[in-house]
Structure formats: C-alpha cells, structure tokens
Protein backbone atom coordinates (compact mmCIF):
# COMPACT_ATOMS: atom_id res chain seq x y z
CA MET A 1 -9.82 28.74 -21.84
CA ALA A 2 -7.42 25.32 -20.60
CA ASP A 3 -4.70 24.43 -22.58
CA ALA A 4 -4.86 21.91 -24.33
CA GLY A 5 -2.36 19.50 -22.35
CA HIS A 6 -4.14 19.73 -19.83
CA MET A 7 -8.04 18.99 -21.12
CA LYS A 8 -10.44 16.43 -18.50
CA PRO A 9 -11.42 14.01 -20.55
CA SER A 10 -15.33 13.67 -19.75
CA ALA A 11 -16.76 12.17 -16.96
CA HIS A 12 -16.89 8.07 -16.83
CA PRO A 13 -17.33 7.28 -13.34
CA SER A 14 -14.69 4.86 -11.77
CA LYS A 15 -16.85 1.47 -10.68
CA ASP A 16 -15.77 2.70 -7.16
CA THR A 17 -17.40 5.98 -7.71
CA ALA A 18 -20.08 5.52 -9.35
CA THR A 19 -21.95 2.86 -6.78
CA GLU A 20 -20.35 3.83 -3.95
CA GLY A 21 -20.47 8.08 -4.34
CA ASN A 22 -17.27 9.73 -4.02
CA LYS A 23 -17.38 12.21 -0.64
CA PRO A 24 -13.56 11.83 0.68
CA THR A 25 -12.74 11.18 4.44
CA GLU A 26 -8.86 12.18 5.81
CA GLY A 27 -7.35 8.37 6.47
CA ASP A 28 -3.84 7.57 7.96
CA LEU A 29 -1.22 9.67 6.46
CA GLY A 30 -3.36 11.78 4.64
CA LYS A 31 -4.76 9.16 2.28
CA TYR A 32 -8.51 9.85 1.22
CA THR A 33 -10.98 7.17 1.08
CA ASP A 34 -14.40 6.85 0.07
CA PRO A 35 -17.53 5.53 1.94
CA ALA A 36 -16.13 2.08 0.99
CA GLY A 37 -12.66 2.71 2.75
CA ASN A 38 -11.29 2.29 -1.25
CA PRO A 39 -8.68 4.99 -1.80
CA THR A 40 -9.30 8.27 -3.81
CA TYR A 41 -8.48 11.90 -4.87
CA LEU A 42 -9.09 15.12 -3.24
CA VAL A 43 -9.22 18.37 -5.55
CA ASP A 44 -9.00 21.04 -4.22
CA LYS A 45 -11.09 24.53 -5.39
CA ASP A 46 -8.21 25.44 -7.26
CA GLY A 47 -7.71 21.75 -8.97
CA LYS A 48 -4.70 20.85 -7.36
CA VAL A 49 -4.61 17.39 -6.12
CA ASP A 50 -3.58 15.53 -2.65
CA TRP A 51 -0.57 14.11 -2.35
CA TYR A 52 -1.63 10.47 -3.35
CA THR A 53 -2.79 12.13 -6.87
CA TRP A 54 0.14 13.40 -7.34
CA ARG A 55 2.35 10.76 -6.53
CA GLY A 56 0.09 8.37 -8.45
CA TYR A 57 0.88 10.18 -11.82
CA LYS A 58 4.83 9.94 -11.06
CA LYS A 59 4.61 6.43 -10.62
CA TYR A 60 2.06 5.07 -13.25
CA MET A 61 4.87 7.40 -15.17
CA ALA A 62 7.55 5.33 -14.42
CA ASN A 63 6.13 2.41 -14.45
CA CYS A 64 2.69 2.11 -16.33
CA MET A 65 3.54 4.37 -18.85
CA GLN A 66 5.03 2.16 -21.29
CA CYS A 67 2.29 -0.02 -22.56
CA HIS A 68 -0.63 2.02 -21.54
CA GLY A 69 0.18 5.38 -23.14
CA PRO A 70 0.43 8.53 -21.30
CA ASP A 71 -2.62 9.87 -19.05
CA GLY A 72 -3.53 6.43 -18.96
CA LEU A 73 -5.46 6.69 -22.44
CA GLY A 74 -3.80 3.38 -23.83
CA SER A 75 -1.62 2.03 -26.77
CA SER A 76 -2.22 0.08 -29.69
CA PHE A 77 -0.91 -3.41 -27.24
CA ALA A 78 -2.60 -2.25 -23.63
CA PRO A 79 -5.53 -0.55 -23.61
CA ASN A 80 -6.82 2.79 -22.03
CA LEU A 81 -7.06 2.55 -18.42
CA THR A 82 -9.59 5.71 -17.76
CA SER A 83 -12.18 3.26 -19.81
CA GLN A 84 -10.96 0.07 -18.18
CA LEU A 85 -11.49 2.01 -14.45
CA GLN A 86 -15.56 1.84 -15.17
CA ASP A 87 -16.22 -1.86 -14.94
CA LEU A 88 -13.48 -2.15 -12.39
CA SER A 89 -13.43 -2.18 -8.44
CA TYR A 90 -10.46 -1.56 -6.30
CA TYR A 91 -9.88 -4.92 -5.52
CA ASP A 92 -10.19 -5.78 -9.31
CA PHE A 93 -7.54 -3.55 -9.92
CA ALA A 94 -5.79 -4.96 -7.04
CA GLY A 95 -5.63 -7.84 -8.68
CA ILE A 96 -4.63 -7.67 -11.67
CA ILE A 97 -1.30 -5.74 -10.52
CA VAL A 98 -0.48 -8.13 -8.01
CA SER A 99 -1.55 -11.28 -10.15
CA GLY A 100 -1.34 -10.13 -13.86
CA GLN A 101 -4.29 -11.28 -16.40
CA LYS A 102 -3.46 -12.17 -20.04
CA ASN A 103 -5.70 -9.52 -22.61
CA LYS A 104 -9.35 -9.27 -22.61
CA TRP A 105 -9.92 -6.24 -23.82
CA ASN A 106 -8.59 -7.36 -27.08
CA PRO A 107 -8.94 -11.03 -27.48
CA SER A 108 -7.10 -10.96 -30.84
CA GLY A 109 -4.65 -9.89 -29.08
CA ASN A 110 -1.18 -11.76 -27.50
CA SER A 111 -0.29 -9.43 -25.30
CA VAL A 112 -0.13 -10.09 -21.28
CA MET A 113 -0.09 -7.83 -18.08
CA PRO A 114 2.65 -8.62 -16.12
CA ALA A 115 1.65 -9.82 -12.19
CA TRP A 116 3.94 -6.93 -10.32
CA GLY A 117 3.46 -8.43 -7.07
CA GLU A 118 7.02 -9.13 -6.31
CA ASP A 119 8.02 -5.58 -7.84
CA PRO A 120 7.88 -3.16 -4.48
CA ASN A 121 8.01 -0.18 -7.04
CA VAL A 122 5.20 -0.60 -7.84
CA MET A 123 3.82 -2.73 -4.74
CA CYS A 124 4.94 0.48 -2.65
CA SER A 125 2.44 2.86 -4.68
CA MET A 126 -0.72 0.61 -6.03
CA ASP A 127 -3.17 2.93 -3.81
CA ALA A 128 -1.71 6.13 -5.02
CA ILE A 129 -1.44 4.46 -9.16
CA TYR A 130 -5.40 3.67 -8.72
CA ILE A 131 -6.07 6.79 -7.22
CA TYR A 132 -4.62 9.28 -10.03
CA LEU A 133 -6.27 6.44 -12.36
CA ARG A 134 -9.48 6.95 -10.75
CA ALA A 135 -9.17 10.65 -10.94
CA ARG A 136 -8.34 10.97 -14.08
CA THR A 137 -11.05 8.03 -14.61
CA ASP A 138 -13.83 10.98 -12.93
CA GLY A 139 -12.99 13.75 -15.33
CA VAL A 140 -11.67 16.04 -12.13
CA VAL A 141 -7.76 15.54 -13.54
CA GLY A 142 -6.54 16.24 -17.00
CA ARG A 143 -4.02 15.13 -19.04
CA GLY A 144 -0.28 15.58 -17.59
CA GLU A 145 1.46 16.80 -14.18
CA PRO A 146 -1.06 17.34 -11.77
CA LYS A 147 -0.82 20.64 -8.83
CA ARG A 148 -0.49 19.28 -5.93
CA ILE A 149 -1.89 21.23 -2.54
CA GLY A 150 1.57 20.12 -0.39
CA ASN A 151 4.10 17.91 0.09
CA ASN A 152 3.30 15.13 2.66
CA LYS A 153 6.40 13.90 4.99
CA PRO A 154 4.55 11.04 6.31
CA ALA A 155 3.31 9.17 3.52
CA GLN A 156 6.68 10.29 1.32
CA GLU A 157 8.59 8.64 4.34
CA GLU A 158 6.14 5.41 4.69
CA GLU A 159 6.98 5.19 0.90
CA TYR A 160 10.24 5.04 1.24
CA SER A 161 10.30 2.31 4.23
CA CYS A 162 8.74 -0.23 1.94
CA LEU A 163 10.94 0.73 -0.84
CA GLY A 164 13.93 0.12 1.70
CA PHE A 165 15.23 3.70 1.30
C-alpha cells in the first residue's frame, strides 16, 4: 500500500501527452523528449525518475511552491498546475513563465503570475520544472520528492553554467 504522502494523483494527461503520446527519446544531456520534441520525463520500472524530473521538483519547490502549493496542487490564490497542464502545451507554459499572466483561473481574483523571463533561477530550470509538472499531471509521479535514477553531471554543469557558477 502506498504511503499517503506519496500517493499518485489520478492520471489526467497533460496536453502534450494527450495529443502526442509520451514515448520518451533521450536527447542532449540526458533530457528526454516526446515525439513532438517537447521535454518529458522517464520513469523506470522501480518508479525512479530521470535527473530532470527530480531537478524540476527541487526547482519547483524553490521557486513555485510558495504560490502554487506543494506538488503543484494549487493554493487559495494560485491554480492547481496539475490541472492547468491538461490544457497547456509546453509552448503555452513557457510563454506564461517568461511573460507572466493575469489571473485567468479565478476571474474574481486579482492575483498575477509574475514574469520570470529575467530570473535565471527559473529560466535555467524551466524545462525541468515543466517535466516535473508534466509527470505530476500524467499521474506517474506522486506527491513529495521523487527518487531519481542517478545523477546527471553534464546536465548539472549546464545548469550551473547558465546560473553563472
């Protein structure tokens, strides 16, 4: 029986998964893509995830959780991202992250998603955050920190380089 803190959500495929399938292909730096070239996750038979999915969780918790709540499940002033990704493509998601957006999920609200396009802490990890949220939306990653398959030194070095380390 699954630990209640790590229960998987019901699967409601992300827009990219629902329209393009999700058979991952490994690309540069061990980042997986779907048939349309969108970033996606890899989960092994033991439920461990690739480095980008794990890193996406870490970066989500550092940069997004304060508004969108733990595990992407939303809060009183920011939407549940696991349901939002059902209607957003990767490019829609990226546009909102870069440019921001006025509150559309609750028209009576006055919250605004800030533009993160100038923030390297978000932009250097945007794909990883999307990959993590896509895995949550698709119901293949439960709540809490996912266990990773292993480290990915080249991807980690690329992120550090982007951050200016």
